[in-house]
PDB file of N, CA and C in Angstrom:
ATOM      1  N   MET A   1     -24.188  15.660   6.177  1.00  0.00           N
ATOM      2  CA  MET A   1     -23.921  17.004   5.961  1.00  0.00           C
ATOM      3  C   MET A   1     -22.498  16.923   6.659  1.00  0.00           C
ATOM      4  N   THR A   2     -21.332  17.343   6.081  1.00  0.00           N
ATOM      5  CA  THR A   2     -20.482  17.366   6.992  1.00  0.00           C
ATOM      6  C   THR A   2     -20.340  19.076   7.403  1.00  0.00           C
ATOM      7  N   THR A   3     -19.557  18.989   8.661  1.00  0.00           N
ATOM      8  CA  THR A   3     -19.190  20.447   9.134  1.00  0.00           C
ATOM      9  C   THR A   3     -17.623  20.554   9.415  1.00  0.00           C
ATOM     10  N   THR A   4     -17.376  21.560   9.004  1.00  0.00           N
ATOM     11  CA  THR A   4     -15.642  21.749   9.592  1.00  0.00           C
ATOM     12  C   THR A   4     -15.837  23.195  10.276  1.00  0.00           C
ATOM     13  N   SER A   5     -14.745  23.338  11.436  1.00  0.00           N
ATOM     14  CA  SER A   5     -14.829  24.233  11.930  1.00  0.00           C
ATOM     15  C   SER A   5     -13.383  24.705  11.897  1.00  0.00           C
ATOM     16  N   ILE A   6     -13.345  26.350  11.599  1.00  0.00           N
ATOM     17  CA  ILE A   6     -11.850  26.804  11.069  1.00  0.00           C
ATOM     18  C   ILE A   6     -11.770  27.815  12.200  1.00  0.00           C
ATOM     19  N   ALA A   7     -10.580  27.762  13.172  1.00  0.00           N
ATOM     20  CA  ALA A   7     -10.243  28.843  13.967  1.00  0.00           C
ATOM     21  C   ALA A   7      -9.589  30.098  12.876  1.00  0.00           C
ATOM     22  N   THR A   8      -9.848  31.336  12.999  1.00  0.00           N
ATOM     23  CA  THR A   8      -9.234  32.570  12.266  1.00  0.00           C
ATOM     24  C   THR A   8      -8.053  32.985  13.376  1.00  0.00           C
ATOM     25  N   ASN A   9      -7.343  33.792  12.662  1.00  0.00           N
ATOM     26  CA  ASN A   9      -6.522  34.726  13.740  1.00  0.00           C
ATOM     27  C   ASN A   9      -7.041  35.752  14.586  1.00  0.00           C
ATOM     28  N   ASP A  10      -8.304  36.187  14.331  1.00  0.00           N
ATOM     29  CA  ASP A  10      -8.653  37.120  15.356  1.00  0.00           C
ATOM     30  C   ASP A  10      -9.743  36.399  16.386  1.00  0.00           C
ATOM     31  N   THR A  11      -9.229  34.979  16.569  1.00  0.00           N
ATOM     32  CA  THR A  11     -10.015  34.258  17.852  1.00  0.00           C
ATOM     33  C   THR A  11     -11.518  33.551  17.613  1.00  0.00           C
ATOM     34  N   SER A  12     -12.055  33.964  16.267  1.00  0.00           N
ATOM     35  CA  SER A  12     -13.504  33.841  16.192  1.00  0.00           C
ATOM     36  C   SER A  12     -13.397  32.504  15.415  1.00  0.00           C
ATOM     37  N   SER A  13     -14.387  31.606  15.387  1.00  0.00           N
ATOM     38  CA  SER A  13     -14.625  30.231  14.532  1.00  0.00           C
ATOM     39  C   SER A  13     -15.871  30.402  13.866  1.00  0.00           C
ATOM     40  N   VAL A  14     -15.294  29.851  12.633  1.00  0.00           N
ATOM     41  CA  VAL A  14     -16.120  29.986  11.411  1.00  0.00           C
ATOM     42  C   VAL A  14     -16.625  28.360  11.211  1.00  0.00           C
ATOM     43  N   THR A  15     -17.715  28.177  10.839  1.00  0.00           N
ATOM     44  CA  THR A  15     -17.957  26.769  10.529  1.00  0.00           C
ATOM     45  C   THR A  15     -18.415  26.745   9.324  1.00  0.00           C
ATOM     46  N   ILE A  16     -18.106  25.681   8.572  1.00  0.00           N
ATOM     47  CA  ILE A  16     -18.546  25.631   7.156  1.00  0.00           C
ATOM     48  C   ILE A  16     -19.466  24.274   7.060  1.00  0.00           C
ATOM     49  N   ARG A  17     -20.607  24.413   6.229  1.00  0.00           N
ATOM     50  CA  ARG A  17     -21.372  23.222   6.208  1.00  0.00           C
ATOM     51  C   ARG A  17     -21.808  22.741   4.918  1.00  0.00           C
ATOM     52  N   THR A  18     -21.615  23.365   4.049  1.00  0.00           N
ATOM     53  CA  THR A  18     -21.844  23.368   2.373  1.00  0.00           C
ATOM     54  C   THR A  18     -20.877  23.765   1.488  1.00  0.00           C
ATOM     55  N   GLN A  19     -20.695  23.406   0.451  1.00  0.00           N
ATOM     56  CA  GLN A  19     -19.953  23.352  -0.616  1.00  0.00           C
ATOM     57  C   GLN A  19     -20.096  24.781  -1.062  1.00  0.00           C
ATOM     58  N   ARG A  20     -21.185  25.520  -1.261  1.00  0.00           N
ATOM     59  CA  ARG A  20     -21.582  26.792  -1.288  1.00  0.00           C
ATOM     60  C   ARG A  20     -20.573  27.904  -0.363  1.00  0.00           C
ATOM     61  N   GLU A  21     -20.837  27.597   0.942  1.00  0.00           N
ATOM     62  CA  GLU A  21     -20.323  28.385   2.036  1.00  0.00           C
ATOM     63  C   GLU A  21     -18.640  28.157   1.704  1.00  0.00           C
ATOM     64  N   MET A  22     -18.147  26.882   1.638  1.00  0.00           N
ATOM     65  CA  MET A  22     -16.723  27.009   1.380  1.00  0.00           C
ATOM     66  C   MET A  22     -16.291  27.713   0.081  1.00  0.00           C
ATOM     67  N   GLU A  23     -17.187  27.977  -0.946  1.00  0.00           N
ATOM     68  CA  GLU A  23     -16.697  29.153  -2.398  1.00  0.00           C
ATOM     69  C   GLU A  23     -17.037  30.171  -2.062  1.00  0.00           C
ATOM     70  N   LYS A  24     -17.611  30.800  -0.493  1.00  0.00           N
ATOM     71  CA  LYS A  24     -17.942  31.978  -0.483  1.00  0.00           C
ATOM     72  C   LYS A  24     -16.638  32.818   0.559  1.00  0.00           C
ATOM     73  N   HIS A  25     -16.080  31.315   0.834  1.00  0.00           N
ATOM     74  CA  HIS A  25     -15.166  31.644   2.124  1.00  0.00           C
ATOM     75  C   HIS A  25     -13.633  31.251   1.910  1.00  0.00           C
ATOM     76  N   PRO A  26     -12.807  31.301   0.555  1.00  0.00           N
ATOM     77  CA  PRO A  26     -11.700  30.529   0.102  1.00  0.00           C
ATOM     78  C   PRO A  26     -10.810  30.911   1.104  1.00  0.00           C
ATOM     79  N   GLU A  27     -10.672  32.202   1.794  1.00  0.00           N
ATOM     80  CA  GLU A  27      -9.748  32.239   2.767  1.00  0.00           C
ATOM     81  C   GLU A  27      -9.580  31.411   3.779  1.00  0.00           C
ATOM     82  N   LEU A  28     -10.630  30.681   4.267  1.00  0.00           N
ATOM     83  CA  LEU A  28     -10.813  30.011   5.839  1.00  0.00           C
ATOM     84  C   LEU A  28     -10.467  28.533   5.169  1.00  0.00           C
ATOM     85  N   VAL A  29     -10.678  28.211   4.085  1.00  0.00           N
ATOM     86  CA  VAL A  29     -10.489  26.763   3.263  1.00  0.00           C
ATOM     87  C   VAL A  29      -8.999  26.540   3.530  1.00  0.00           C
ATOM     88  N   GLU A  30      -8.356  27.864   2.791  1.00  0.00           N
ATOM     89  CA  GLU A  30      -6.726  27.889   2.445  1.00  0.00           C
ATOM     90  C   GLU A  30      -6.433  27.668   4.159  1.00  0.00           C
ATOM     91  N   ALA A  31      -6.805  28.685   4.972  1.00  0.00           N
ATOM     92  CA  ALA A  31      -6.519  28.450   6.391  1.00  0.00           C
ATOM     93  C   ALA A  31      -6.475  27.109   6.940  1.00  0.00           C
ATOM     94  N   LEU A  32      -7.524  26.289   6.789  1.00  0.00           N
ATOM     95  CA  LEU A  32      -7.575  25.158   6.756  1.00  0.00           C
ATOM     96  C   LEU A  32      -6.751  24.112   6.355  1.00  0.00           C
ATOM     97  N   LEU A  33      -6.601  24.091   5.259  1.00  0.00           N
ATOM     98  CA  LEU A  33      -5.453  23.315   4.203  1.00  0.00           C
ATOM     99  C   LEU A  33      -3.866  23.400   5.025  1.00  0.00           C
ATOM    100  N   THR A  34      -3.789  24.827   5.116  1.00  0.00           N
ATOM    101  CA  THR A  34      -2.324  25.272   5.699  1.00  0.00           C
ATOM    102  C   THR A  34      -2.364  24.695   6.686  1.00  0.00           C
ATOM    103  N   GLU A  35      -2.952  24.830   7.966  1.00  0.00           N
ATOM    104  CA  GLU A  35      -2.854  24.085   9.225  1.00  0.00           C
ATOM    105  C   GLU A  35      -2.617  22.568   9.131  1.00  0.00           C
ATOM    106  N   GLN A  36      -3.526  21.770   8.204  1.00  0.00           N
ATOM    107  CA  GLN A  36      -3.520  20.217   8.064  1.00  0.00           C
ATOM    108  C   GLN A  36      -2.006  20.108   7.862  1.00  0.00           C
ATOM    109  N   LYS A  37      -1.569  20.736   6.256  1.00  0.00           N
ATOM    110  CA  LYS A  37      -0.074  20.546   6.009  1.00  0.00           C
ATOM    111  C   LYS A  37       0.819  20.689   6.993  1.00  0.00           C
ATOM    112  N   GLU A  38       0.553  21.918   7.834  1.00  0.00           N
ATOM    113  CA  GLU A  38       1.811  21.896   8.885  1.00  0.00           C
ATOM    114  C   GLU A  38       1.679  20.836   9.954  1.00  0.00           C
ATOM    115  N   ALA A  39       0.417  20.371  10.436  1.00  0.00           N
ATOM    116  CA  ALA A  39       0.483  19.551  11.478  1.00  0.00           C
ATOM    117  C   ALA A  39       0.995  17.806  10.581  1.00  0.00           C
ATOM    118  N   MET A  40       0.817  17.714   9.009  1.00  0.00           N
ATOM    119  CA  MET A  40       1.338  16.424   8.999  1.00  0.00           C
ATOM    120  C   MET A  40       2.837  16.660   8.751  1.00  0.00           C
ATOM    121  N   GLN A  41       3.445  17.893   8.652  1.00  0.00           N
ATOM    122  CA  GLN A  41       4.580  18.013   8.650  1.00  0.00           C
ATOM    123  C   GLN A  41       5.546  17.836  10.045  1.00  0.00           C
ATOM    124  N   ARG A  42       4.886  18.231  10.870  1.00  0.00           N
ATOM    125  CA  ARG A  42       5.436  17.969  12.472  1.00  0.00           C
ATOM    126  C   ARG A  42       5.654  16.647  12.867  1.00  0.00           C
ATOM    127  N   LEU A  43       4.190  15.902  12.217  1.00  0.00           N
ATOM    128  CA  LEU A  43       4.116  14.264  12.597  1.00  0.00           C
ATOM    129  C   LEU A  43       5.289  13.203  11.477  1.00  0.00           C
ATOM    130  N   GLU A  44       5.811  14.079  10.355  1.00  0.00           N
ATOM    131  CA  GLU A  44       6.318  13.514   9.758  1.00  0.00           C
ATOM    132  C   GLU A  44       8.083  13.397  10.331  1.00  0.00           C
ATOM    133  N   ASN A  45       8.045  15.095  10.923  1.00  0.00           N
ATOM    134  CA  ASN A  45       9.497  14.944  11.509  1.00  0.00           C
ATOM    135  C   ASN A  45       9.566  14.371  12.910  1.00  0.00           C
ATOM    136  N   MET A  46       8.741  13.748  13.334  1.00  0.00           N
ATOM    137  CA  MET A  46       8.746  13.056  14.586  1.00  0.00           C
ATOM    138  C   MET A  46       9.608  11.815  14.533  1.00  0.00           C
ATOM    139  N   GLY A  47       9.403  10.948  13.317  1.00  0.00           N
ATOM    140  CA  GLY A  47      10.111   9.672  13.505  1.00  0.00           C
ATOM    141  C   GLY A  47       9.446   8.779  14.097  1.00  0.00           C
ATOM    142  N   ARG A  48      10.305   7.642  14.264  1.00  0.00           N
ATOM    143  CA  ARG A  48       9.737   6.455  15.013  1.00  0.00           C
ATOM    144  C   ARG A  48      10.354   6.386  16.380  1.00  0.00           C
ATOM    145  N   MET A  49       9.691   6.244  17.206  1.00  0.00           N
ATOM    146  CA  MET A  49      10.087   6.129  18.725  1.00  0.00           C
ATOM    147  C   MET A  49      10.732   4.343  18.787  1.00  0.00           C
ATOM    148  N   PRO A  50      12.137   4.405  19.232  1.00  0.00           N
ATOM    149  CA  PRO A  50      12.830   3.331  19.561  1.00  0.00           C
ATOM    150  C   PRO A  50      11.953   2.359  20.484  1.00  0.00           C
ATOM    151  N   LEU A  51      12.530   1.094  20.300  1.00  0.00           N
ATOM    152  CA  LEU A  51      11.572  -0.205  21.005  1.00  0.00           C
ATOM    153  C   LEU A  51      12.100  -0.122  22.164  1.00  0.00           C
ATOM    154  N   GLY A  52      11.839  -0.669  23.294  1.00  0.00           N
ATOM    155  CA  GLY A  52      12.449  -1.075  24.394  1.00  0.00           C
ATOM    156  C   GLY A  52      13.162  -2.715  24.162  1.00  0.00           C
ATOM    157  N   TRP A  53      13.778  -3.178  25.276  1.00  0.00           N
ATOM    158  CA  TRP A  53      14.371  -4.351  25.081  1.00  0.00           C
ATOM    159  C   TRP A  53      12.794  -5.475  25.198  1.00  0.00           C
ATOM    160  N   GLY A  54      12.150  -4.968  26.048  1.00  0.00           N
ATOM    161  CA  GLY A  54      10.989  -6.017  26.417  1.00  0.00           C
ATOM    162  C   GLY A  54       9.967  -6.185  25.105  1.00  0.00           C
ATOM    163  N   LEU A  55       9.657  -5.025  24.461  1.00  0.00           N
ATOM    164  CA  LEU A  55       9.103  -4.998  23.333  1.00  0.00           C
ATOM    165  C   LEU A  55       9.779  -5.909  22.192  1.00  0.00           C
ATOM    166  N   LYS A  56      11.064  -5.563  21.955  1.00  0.00           N
ATOM    167  CA  LYS A  56      11.912  -6.314  20.871  1.00  0.00           C
ATOM    168  C   LYS A  56      11.715  -7.785  21.196  1.00  0.00           C
ATOM    169  N   THR A  57      12.077  -8.293  22.700  1.00  0.00           N
ATOM    170  CA  THR A  57      12.312  -9.733  23.155  1.00  0.00           C
ATOM    171  C   THR A  57      10.712 -10.462  22.873  1.00  0.00           C
ATOM    172  N   LEU A  58       9.505  -9.684  23.122  1.00  0.00           N
ATOM    173  CA  LEU A  58       8.059 -10.087  22.238  1.00  0.00           C
ATOM    174  C   LEU A  58       8.200 -10.293  21.030  1.00  0.00           C
ATOM    175  N   ILE A  59       8.788  -9.296  20.085  1.00  0.00           N
ATOM    176  CA  ILE A  59       8.713  -9.512  18.837  1.00  0.00           C
ATOM    177  C   ILE A  59       9.094 -10.709  18.508  1.00  0.00           C
ATOM    178  N   TRP A  60      10.478 -10.720  19.057  1.00  0.00           N
ATOM    179  CA  TRP A  60      11.345 -12.167  18.734  1.00  0.00           C
ATOM    180  C   TRP A  60      10.594 -13.305  19.222  1.00  0.00           C
ATOM    181  N   GLY A  61       9.936 -13.415  20.014  1.00  0.00           N
ATOM    182  CA  GLY A  61       9.449 -14.306  20.504  1.00  0.00           C
ATOM    183  C   GLY A  61       8.261 -14.772  19.630  1.00  0.00           C
ATOM    184  N   LEU A  62       7.532 -13.910  19.397  1.00  0.00           N
ATOM    185  CA  LEU A  62       6.611 -14.160  18.371  1.00  0.00           C
ATOM    186  C   LEU A  62       6.783 -14.777  16.951  1.00  0.00           C
ATOM    187  N   ARG A  63       7.970 -14.192  16.667  1.00  0.00           N
ATOM    188  CA  ARG A  63       8.533 -14.492  15.057  1.00  0.00           C
ATOM    189  C   ARG A  63       9.220 -15.967  15.224  1.00  0.00           C
ATOM    190  N   LEU A  64       9.470 -16.375  16.729  1.00  0.00           N
ATOM    191  CA  LEU A  64      10.128 -17.827  16.873  1.00  0.00           C
ATOM    192  C   LEU A  64       8.650 -18.811  16.986  1.00  0.00           C
ATOM    193  N   TYR A  65       7.689 -18.294  17.466  1.00  0.00           N
ATOM    194  CA  TYR A  65       6.447 -19.014  17.583  1.00  0.00           C
ATOM    195  C   TYR A  65       6.155 -19.348  16.415  1.00  0.00           C
ATOM    196  N   VAL A  66       6.173 -18.192  15.420  1.00  0.00           N
ATOM    197  CA  VAL A  66       5.276 -18.373  14.288  1.00  0.00           C
ATOM    198  C   VAL A  66       6.424 -19.490  13.441  1.00  0.00           C
ATOM    199  N   VAL A  67       7.600 -19.482  13.554  1.00  0.00           N
ATOM    200  CA  VAL A  67       8.321 -20.500  12.793  1.00  0.00           C
ATOM    201  C   VAL A  67       7.870 -21.964  13.325  1.00  0.00           C
ATOM    202  N   PHE A  68       8.183 -21.985  14.305  1.00  0.00           N
ATOM    203  CA  PHE A  68       7.679 -23.514  15.460  1.00  0.00           C
ATOM    204  C   PHE A  68       6.489 -23.966  15.187  1.00  0.00           C
ATOM    205  N   MET A  69       5.164 -23.034  14.624  1.00  0.00           N
ATOM    206  CA  MET A  69       4.234 -23.554  14.353  1.00  0.00           C
ATOM    207  C   MET A  69       4.513 -23.736  12.814  1.00  0.00           C
ATOM    208  N   LEU A  70       4.754 -23.467  12.195  1.00  0.00           N
ATOM    209  CA  LEU A  70       4.935 -23.493  10.654  1.00  0.00           C
ATOM    210  C   LEU A  70       5.756 -25.094  10.514  1.00  0.00           C
ATOM    211  N   VAL A  71       6.577 -25.241  11.230  1.00  0.00           N
ATOM    212  CA  VAL A  71       7.203 -26.346  11.100  1.00  0.00           C
ATOM    213  C   VAL A  71       6.146 -27.792  11.916  1.00  0.00           C
ATOM    214  N   ALA A  72       5.714 -27.284  12.837  1.00  0.00           N
ATOM    215  CA  ALA A  72       4.522 -28.188  13.550  1.00  0.00           C
ATOM    216  C   ALA A  72       3.372 -28.503  12.148  1.00  0.00           C
ATOM    217  N   VAL A  73       3.118 -27.390  11.462  1.00  0.00           N
ATOM    218  CA  VAL A  73       2.037 -27.848  10.813  1.00  0.00           C
ATOM    219  C   VAL A  73       2.497 -28.594   9.482  1.00  0.00           C
ATOM    220  N   ALA A  74       3.907 -28.116   9.091  1.00  0.00           N
ATOM    221  CA  ALA A  74       4.343 -28.909   8.000  1.00  0.00           C
ATOM    222  C   ALA A  74       4.274 -30.444   8.395  1.00  0.00           C
ATOM    223  N   PHE A  75       4.659 -30.521   9.390  1.00  0.00           N
ATOM    224  CA  PHE A  75       5.295 -31.892   9.924  1.00  0.00           C
ATOM    225  C   PHE A  75       3.941 -32.880   9.744  1.00  0.00           C
ATOM    226  N   THR A  76       2.654 -32.123  10.640  1.00  0.00           N
ATOM    227  CA  THR A  76       1.726 -33.064  10.641  1.00  0.00           C
ATOM    228  C   THR A  76       0.621 -33.189   9.502  1.00  0.00           C
ATOM    229  N   VAL A  77       1.281 -32.242   8.597  1.00  0.00           N
ATOM    230  CA  VAL A  77       0.650 -32.246   7.095  1.00  0.00           C
ATOM    231  C   VAL A  77       1.636 -33.416   6.507  1.00  0.00           C
ATOM    232  N   VAL A  78       2.722 -33.687   6.521  1.00  0.00           N
ATOM    233  CA  VAL A  78       3.586 -34.701   5.936  1.00  0.00           C
ATOM    234  C   VAL A  78       3.012 -35.892   6.702  1.00  0.00           C
ATOM    235  N   ASN A  79       3.013 -35.997   8.224  1.00  0.00           N
ATOM    236  CA  ASN A  79       2.531 -37.379   8.607  1.00  0.00           C
ATOM    237  C   ASN A  79       1.238 -37.853   8.191  1.00  0.00           C
ATOM    238  N   ASN A  80       0.284 -36.966   8.176  1.00  0.00           N
ATOM    239  CA  ASN A  80      -1.101 -37.533   7.350  1.00  0.00           C
ATOM    240  C   ASN A  80      -1.025 -37.920   6.131  1.00  0.00           C
ATOM    241  N   LEU A  81      -0.190 -37.258   5.214  1.00  0.00           N
ATOM    242  CA  LEU A  81      -0.092 -37.816   3.824  1.00  0.00           C
ATOM    243  C   LEU A  81       0.515 -39.397   3.505  1.00  0.00           C
ATOM    244  N   ARG A  82       0.888 -39.650   4.610  1.00  0.00           N
ATOM    245  CA  ARG A  82       1.723 -41.075   4.608  1.00  0.00           C
ATOM    246  C   ARG A  82       0.630 -42.422   4.769  1.00  0.00           C
TER     247      ARG A  82
END
């Protein structure tokens, strides 16, 4: 059973437990959907946070490590095939 709490404008809270209750209170469902859409728009407007130099260095270090390991594995495979 899913329970959804919806805060209305008159500071009371309504809990919807079943599909029938959702059909009885479409304005509450609409309020919940509107609130969810507004929250999603706020998240989309935030954008990405810029990375610091330490994190950029770490990411580049990991990239170089992956390339090094690919070369090491390729060298080992070629060496073992001979």
